[in-house]
PDB file of N, CA and C in Angstrom:
ATOM      1  N   MET A   1       0.819  -1.192   0.000  1.00  0.00           N
ATOM      2  CA  MET A   1       0.000   0.000   0.000  1.00  0.00           C
ATOM      3  C   MET A   1       0.865   1.259   0.000  1.00  0.00           C
ATOM      4  N   PHE A   2       1.878   1.287   0.837  1.00  0.00           N
ATOM      5  CA  PHE A   2       2.752   2.451   0.892  1.00  0.00           C
ATOM      6  C   PHE A   2       4.024   2.147   0.109  1.00  0.00           C
ATOM      7  N   PRO A   3       4.431   3.007  -0.803  1.00  0.00           N
ATOM      8  CA  PRO A   3       5.568   2.698  -1.662  1.00  0.00           C
ATOM      9  C   PRO A   3       6.910   2.655  -0.939  1.00  0.00           C
ATOM     10  N   LYS A   4       7.049   3.347   0.169  1.00  0.00           N
ATOM     11  CA  LYS A   4       8.335   3.371   0.878  1.00  0.00           C
ATOM     12  C   LYS A   4       8.206   2.746   2.267  1.00  0.00           C
ATOM     13  N   LYS A   5       7.575   1.593   2.339  1.00  0.00           N
ATOM     14  CA  LYS A   5       7.359   0.936   3.623  1.00  0.00           C
ATOM     15  C   LYS A   5       8.701   0.582   4.257  1.00  0.00           C
ATOM     16  N   GLY A   6       8.889   1.012   5.497  1.00  0.00           N
ATOM     17  CA  GLY A   6      10.110   0.723   6.218  1.00  0.00           C
ATOM     18  C   GLY A   6      11.183   1.780   6.075  1.00  0.00           C
ATOM     19  N   ARG A   7      11.042   2.674   5.114  1.00  0.00           N
ATOM     20  CA  ARG A   7      12.024   3.745   4.937  1.00  0.00           C
ATOM     21  C   ARG A   7      11.420   5.061   5.388  1.00  0.00           C
ATOM     22  N   ILE A   8      12.266   6.028   5.646  1.00  0.00           N
ATOM     23  CA  ILE A   8      11.818   7.333   6.125  1.00  0.00           C
ATOM     24  C   ILE A   8      11.406   8.190   4.938  1.00  0.00           C
ATOM     25  N   TRP A   9      10.196   8.750   5.031  1.00  0.00           N
ATOM     26  CA  TRP A   9       9.708   9.678   4.003  1.00  0.00           C
ATOM     27  C   TRP A   9      10.090  11.092   4.407  1.00  0.00           C
ATOM     28  N   THR A  10      10.467  11.893   3.462  1.00  0.00           N
ATOM     29  CA  THR A  10      10.635  13.311   3.742  1.00  0.00           C
ATOM     30  C   THR A  10       9.258  13.956   3.650  1.00  0.00           C
ATOM     31  N   TYR A  11       9.129  15.144   4.227  1.00  0.00           N
ATOM     32  CA  TYR A  11       7.851  15.850   4.166  1.00  0.00           C
ATOM     33  C   TYR A  11       7.456  16.147   2.724  1.00  0.00           C
ATOM     34  N   ARG A  12       8.432  16.413   1.913  1.00  0.00           N
ATOM     35  CA  ARG A  12       8.174  16.730   0.519  1.00  0.00           C
ATOM     36  C   ARG A  12       7.606  15.521  -0.233  1.00  0.00           C
ATOM     37  N   GLU A  13       8.184  14.341  -0.007  1.00  0.00           N
ATOM     38  CA  GLU A  13       7.680  13.134  -0.649  1.00  0.00           C
ATOM     39  C   GLU A  13       6.270  12.794  -0.171  1.00  0.00           C
ATOM     40  N   ARG A  14       6.051  12.954   1.118  1.00  0.00           N
ATOM     41  CA  ARG A  14       4.728  12.670   1.671  1.00  0.00           C
ATOM     42  C   ARG A  14       3.692  13.618   1.085  1.00  0.00           C
ATOM     43  N   ALA A  15       4.027  14.884   0.951  1.00  0.00           N
ATOM     44  CA  ALA A  15       3.089  15.855   0.393  1.00  0.00           C
ATOM     45  C   ALA A  15       2.816  15.578  -1.077  1.00  0.00           C
ATOM     46  N   ARG A  16       3.841  15.189  -1.818  1.00  0.00           N
ATOM     47  CA  ARG A  16       3.632  14.865  -3.236  1.00  0.00           C
ATOM     48  C   ARG A  16       2.713  13.665  -3.394  1.00  0.00           C
ATOM     49  N   THR A  17       2.899  12.639  -2.562  1.00  0.00           N
ATOM     50  CA  THR A  17       2.056  11.445  -2.650  1.00  0.00           C
ATOM     51  C   THR A  17       0.618  11.757  -2.273  1.00  0.00           C
ATOM     52  N   LEU A  18       0.428  12.496  -1.183  1.00  0.00           N
ATOM     53  CA  LEU A  18      -0.927  12.861  -0.786  1.00  0.00           C
ATOM     54  C   LEU A  18      -1.601  13.743  -1.831  1.00  0.00           C
ATOM     55  N   ALA A  19      -0.858  14.684  -2.391  1.00  0.00           N
ATOM     56  CA  ALA A  19      -1.422  15.543  -3.427  1.00  0.00           C
ATOM     57  C   ALA A  19      -1.794  14.739  -4.662  1.00  0.00           C
ATOM     58  N   LEU A  20      -1.008  13.722  -4.991  1.00  0.00           N
ATOM     59  CA  LEU A  20      -1.335  12.876  -6.139  1.00  0.00           C
ATOM     60  C   LEU A  20      -2.637  12.121  -5.902  1.00  0.00           C
ATOM     61  N   PHE A  21      -2.781  11.484  -4.735  1.00  0.00           N
ATOM     62  CA  PHE A  21      -4.005  10.731  -4.448  1.00  0.00           C
ATOM     63  C   PHE A  21      -5.220  11.652  -4.378  1.00  0.00           C
ATOM     64  N   TRP A  22      -5.084  12.787  -3.677  1.00  0.00           N
ATOM     65  CA  TRP A  22      -6.205  13.725  -3.579  1.00  0.00           C
ATOM     66  C   TRP A  22      -6.537  14.331  -4.934  1.00  0.00           C
ATOM     67  N   GLY A  23      -5.531  14.608  -5.728  1.00  0.00           N
ATOM     68  CA  GLY A  23      -5.759  15.181  -7.051  1.00  0.00           C
ATOM     69  C   GLY A  23      -6.475  14.207  -7.969  1.00  0.00           C
ATOM     70  N   LEU A  24      -6.070  12.936  -7.942  1.00  0.00           N
ATOM     71  CA  LEU A  24      -6.751  11.940  -8.771  1.00  0.00           C
ATOM     72  C   LEU A  24      -8.206  11.751  -8.344  1.00  0.00           C
ATOM     73  N   SER A  25      -8.451  11.754  -7.036  1.00  0.00           N
ATOM     74  CA  SER A  25      -9.834  11.618  -6.585  1.00  0.00           C
ATOM     75  C   SER A  25     -10.652  12.861  -6.933  1.00  0.00           C
ATOM     76  N   SER A  26     -10.042  14.031  -6.897  1.00  0.00           N
ATOM     77  CA  SER A  26     -10.750  15.256  -7.284  1.00  0.00           C
ATOM     78  C   SER A  26     -11.059  15.271  -8.774  1.00  0.00           C
ATOM     79  N   ILE A  27     -10.150  14.765  -9.579  1.00  0.00           N
ATOM     80  CA  ILE A  27     -10.400  14.689 -11.022  1.00  0.00           C
ATOM     81  C   ILE A  27     -11.523  13.692 -11.302  1.00  0.00           C
ATOM     82  N   GLY A  28     -11.539  12.581 -10.594  1.00  0.00           N
ATOM     83  CA  GLY A  28     -12.647  11.633 -10.729  1.00  0.00           C
ATOM     84  C   GLY A  28     -13.970  12.254 -10.340  1.00  0.00           C
ATOM     85  N   MET A  29     -13.959  13.028  -9.247  1.00  0.00           N
ATOM     86  CA  MET A  29     -15.183  13.705  -8.833  1.00  0.00           C
ATOM     87  C   MET A  29     -15.602  14.753  -9.860  1.00  0.00           C
ATOM     88  N   LEU A  30     -14.645  15.396 -10.504  1.00  0.00           N
ATOM     89  CA  LEU A  30     -14.960  16.378 -11.545  1.00  0.00           C
ATOM     90  C   LEU A  30     -15.622  15.696 -12.748  1.00  0.00           C
ATOM     91  N   ILE A  31     -15.127  14.531 -13.126  1.00  0.00           N
ATOM     92  CA  ILE A  31     -15.727  13.795 -14.247  1.00  0.00           C
ATOM     93  C   ILE A  31     -17.158  13.379 -13.909  1.00  0.00           C
ATOM     94  N   ILE A  32     -17.354  12.889 -12.693  1.00  0.00           N
ATOM     95  CA  ILE A  32     -18.710  12.524 -12.270  1.00  0.00           C
ATOM     96  C   ILE A  32     -19.602  13.760 -12.226  1.00  0.00           C
ATOM     97  N   GLY A  33     -19.046  14.879 -11.772  1.00  0.00           N
ATOM     98  CA  GLY A  33     -19.813  16.119 -11.719  1.00  0.00           C
ATOM     99  C   GLY A  33     -20.223  16.612 -13.093  1.00  0.00           C
ATOM    100  N   ILE A  34     -19.332  16.485 -14.068  1.00  0.00           N
ATOM    101  CA  ILE A  34     -19.681  16.889 -15.433  1.00  0.00           C
ATOM    102  C   ILE A  34     -20.819  16.022 -15.961  1.00  0.00           C
ATOM    103  N   TYR A  35     -20.804  14.743 -15.629  1.00  0.00           N
ATOM    104  CA  TYR A  35     -21.907  13.858 -16.015  1.00  0.00           C
ATOM    105  C   TYR A  35     -23.218  14.339 -15.399  1.00  0.00           C
ATOM    106  N   PHE A  36     -23.198  14.688 -14.106  1.00  0.00           N
ATOM    107  CA  PHE A  36     -24.408  15.159 -13.444  1.00  0.00           C
ATOM    108  C   PHE A  36     -24.889  16.494 -13.997  1.00  0.00           C
ATOM    109  N   VAL A  37     -23.969  17.342 -14.431  1.00  0.00           N
ATOM    110  CA  VAL A  37     -24.372  18.624 -15.017  1.00  0.00           C
ATOM    111  C   VAL A  37     -25.173  18.384 -16.287  1.00  0.00           C
ATOM    112  N   PHE A  38     -24.711  17.486 -17.124  1.00  0.00           N
ATOM    113  CA  PHE A  38     -25.402  17.246 -18.392  1.00  0.00           C
ATOM    114  C   PHE A  38     -26.696  16.459 -18.226  1.00  0.00           C
ATOM    115  N   THR A  39     -26.758  15.567 -17.244  1.00  0.00           N
ATOM    116  CA  THR A  39     -27.950  14.742 -17.106  1.00  0.00           C
ATOM    117  C   THR A  39     -29.002  15.357 -16.187  1.00  0.00           C
ATOM    118  N   GLN A  40     -28.579  16.003 -15.088  1.00  0.00           N
ATOM    119  CA  GLN A  40     -29.540  16.474 -14.091  1.00  0.00           C
ATOM    120  C   GLN A  40     -29.409  17.956 -13.772  1.00  0.00           C
ATOM    121  N   SER A  41     -28.534  18.670 -14.443  1.00  0.00           N
ATOM    122  CA  SER A  41     -28.283  20.093 -14.179  1.00  0.00           C
ATOM    123  C   SER A  41     -27.925  20.337 -12.712  1.00  0.00           C
ATOM    124  N   ASN A  42     -27.090  19.467 -12.161  1.00  0.00           N
ATOM    125  CA  ASN A  42     -26.666  19.568 -10.770  1.00  0.00           C
ATOM    126  C   ASN A  42     -25.203  20.023 -10.749  1.00  0.00           C
ATOM    127  N   TRP A  43     -24.972  21.257 -10.334  1.00  0.00           N
ATOM    128  CA  TRP A  43     -23.638  21.867 -10.397  1.00  0.00           C
ATOM    129  C   TRP A  43     -22.817  21.702  -9.118  1.00  0.00           C
ATOM    130  N   ILE A  44     -23.409  21.223  -8.042  1.00  0.00           N
ATOM    131  CA  ILE A  44     -22.709  21.211  -6.754  1.00  0.00           C
ATOM    132  C   ILE A  44     -21.480  20.304  -6.769  1.00  0.00           C
ATOM    133  N   VAL A  45     -21.535  19.178  -7.462  1.00  0.00           N
ATOM    134  CA  VAL A  45     -20.393  18.259  -7.496  1.00  0.00           C
ATOM    135  C   VAL A  45     -19.231  18.881  -8.263  1.00  0.00           C
ATOM    136  N   VAL A  46     -19.524  19.615  -9.342  1.00  0.00           N
ATOM    137  CA  VAL A  46     -18.469  20.279 -10.107  1.00  0.00           C
ATOM    138  C   VAL A  46     -17.825  21.381  -9.270  1.00  0.00           C
ATOM    139  N   ILE A  47     -18.630  22.129  -8.555  1.00  0.00           N
ATOM    140  CA  ILE A  47     -18.088  23.198  -7.707  1.00  0.00           C
ATOM    141  C   ILE A  47     -17.201  22.619  -6.610  1.00  0.00           C
ATOM    142  N   LEU A  48     -17.656  21.545  -5.961  1.00  0.00           N
ATOM    143  CA  LEU A  48     -16.847  20.907  -4.914  1.00  0.00           C
ATOM    144  C   LEU A  48     -15.560  20.325  -5.476  1.00  0.00           C
ATOM    145  N   ALA A  49     -15.623  19.749  -6.670  1.00  0.00           N
ATOM    146  CA  ALA A  49     -14.420  19.179  -7.284  1.00  0.00           C
ATOM    147  C   ALA A  49     -13.409  20.273  -7.612  1.00  0.00           C
ATOM    148  N   LEU A  50     -13.876  21.384  -8.136  1.00  0.00           N
ATOM    149  CA  LEU A  50     -12.959  22.485  -8.450  1.00  0.00           C
ATOM    150  C   LEU A  50     -12.351  23.085  -7.186  1.00  0.00           C
ATOM    151  N   LEU A  51     -13.159  23.204  -6.131  1.00  0.00           N
ATOM    152  CA  LEU A  51     -12.614  23.694  -4.859  1.00  0.00           C
ATOM    153  C   LEU A  51     -11.563  22.731  -4.304  1.00  0.00           C
ATOM    154  N   SER A  52     -11.842  21.437  -4.369  1.00  0.00           N
ATOM    155  CA  SER A  52     -10.866  20.476  -3.835  1.00  0.00           C
ATOM    156  C   SER A  52      -9.595  20.465  -4.674  1.00  0.00           C
ATOM    157  N   LEU A  53      -9.710  20.629  -5.992  1.00  0.00           N
ATOM    158  CA  LEU A  53      -8.506  20.727  -6.822  1.00  0.00           C
ATOM    159  C   LEU A  53      -7.689  21.968  -6.459  1.00  0.00           C
ATOM    160  N   GLY A  54      -8.365  23.064  -6.163  1.00  0.00           N
ATOM    161  CA  GLY A  54      -7.664  24.273  -5.731  1.00  0.00           C
ATOM    162  C   GLY A  54      -6.938  24.072  -4.413  1.00  0.00           C
ATOM    163  N   PHE A  55      -7.592  23.403  -3.467  1.00  0.00           N
ATOM    164  CA  PHE A  55      -6.954  23.145  -2.178  1.00  0.00           C
ATOM    165  C   PHE A  55      -5.779  22.184  -2.309  1.00  0.00           C
ATOM    166  N   VAL A  56      -5.899  21.201  -3.184  1.00  0.00           N
ATOM    167  CA  VAL A  56      -4.793  20.268  -3.414  1.00  0.00           C
ATOM    168  C   VAL A  56      -3.606  21.014  -4.013  1.00  0.00           C
ATOM    169  N   ALA A  57      -3.868  21.903  -4.956  1.00  0.00           N
ATOM    170  CA  ALA A  57      -2.781  22.686  -5.565  1.00  0.00           C
ATOM    171  C   ALA A  57      -2.112  23.582  -4.526  1.00  0.00           C
ATOM    172  N   MET A  58      -2.903  24.229  -3.675  1.00  0.00           N
ATOM    173  CA  MET A  58      -2.313  25.077  -2.623  1.00  0.00           C
ATOM    174  C   MET A  58      -1.490  24.249  -1.655  1.00  0.00           C
ATOM    175  N   TYR A  59      -1.978  23.060  -1.282  1.00  0.00           N
ATOM    176  CA  TYR A  59      -1.238  22.181  -0.382  1.00  0.00           C
ATOM    177  C   TYR A  59       0.086  21.754  -1.003  1.00  0.00           C
ATOM    178  N   PHE A  60       0.046  21.367  -2.271  1.00  0.00           N
ATOM    179  CA  PHE A  60       1.252  20.911  -2.952  1.00  0.00           C
ATOM    180  C   PHE A  60       2.285  22.031  -3.043  1.00  0.00           C
ATOM    181  N   PHE A  61       1.885  23.195  -3.513  1.00  0.00           N
ATOM    182  CA  PHE A  61       2.844  24.279  -3.703  1.00  0.00           C
ATOM    183  C   PHE A  61       3.342  24.855  -2.382  1.00  0.00           C
ATOM    184  N   SER A  62       2.497  24.890  -1.358  1.00  0.00           N
ATOM    185  CA  SER A  62       2.986  25.377  -0.063  1.00  0.00           C
ATOM    186  C   SER A  62       3.973  24.396   0.547  1.00  0.00           C
ATOM    187  N   SER A  63       3.753  23.104   0.357  1.00  0.00           N
ATOM    188  CA  SER A  63       4.691  22.110   0.868  1.00  0.00           C
ATOM    189  C   SER A  63       6.015  22.173   0.116  1.00  0.00           C
ATOM    190  N   GLU A  64       5.957  22.374  -1.189  1.00  0.00           N
ATOM    191  CA  GLU A  64       7.194  22.515  -1.961  1.00  0.00           C
ATOM    192  C   GLU A  64       7.996  23.720  -1.491  1.00  0.00           C
ATOM    193  N   ARG A  65       7.324  24.788  -1.163  1.00  0.00           N
ATOM    194  CA  ARG A  65       8.019  25.997  -0.719  1.00  0.00           C
ATOM    195  C   ARG A  65       8.580  25.830   0.687  1.00  0.00           C
ATOM    196  N   GLU A  66       7.802  25.222   1.595  1.00  0.00           N
ATOM    197  CA  GLU A  66       8.244  25.085   2.986  1.00  0.00           C
ATOM    198  C   GLU A  66       9.430  24.132   3.131  1.00  0.00           C
ATOM    199  N   HIS A  67       9.452  23.077   2.343  1.00  0.00           N
ATOM    200  CA  HIS A  67      10.481  22.042   2.493  1.00  0.00           C
ATOM    201  C   HIS A  67      11.452  22.052   1.340  1.00  0.00           C
ATOM    202  N   ARG A  68      11.847  23.234   0.923  1.00  0.00           N
ATOM    203  CA  ARG A  68      12.722  23.385  -0.233  1.00  0.00           C
ATOM    204  C   ARG A  68      14.138  22.884   0.037  1.00  0.00           C
ATOM    205  N   ASP A  69      14.636  23.028   1.247  1.00  0.00           N
ATOM    206  CA  ASP A  69      16.033  22.690   1.545  1.00  0.00           C
ATOM    207  C   ASP A  69      16.217  21.307   2.145  1.00  0.00           C
ATOM    208  N   GLU A  70      15.231  20.420   2.012  1.00  0.00           N
ATOM    209  CA  GLU A  70      15.395  19.073   2.535  1.00  0.00           C
ATOM    210  C   GLU A  70      16.363  18.279   1.662  1.00  0.00           C
ATOM    211  N   PRO A  71      17.044  17.313   2.257  1.00  0.00           N
ATOM    212  CA  PRO A  71      17.960  16.487   1.448  1.00  0.00           C
ATOM    213  C   PRO A  71      17.196  15.565   0.513  1.00  0.00           C
TER     214      PRO A  71
END
């Protein structure tokens, strides 16, 4: 389940992995939301997916900036 089981993760690696998983799930939610927009005119799932993608991007870039000097 974890790619580096038994080894020490840096904060940067952990943030990249979490951002990847959250980003993929947000993209999946966006695809489902687009389906709901066309079939039922329900925009809430698309709005939530876009907000979560924004938060994932902020998390990723803030982590890259904070842990810039890690080995």
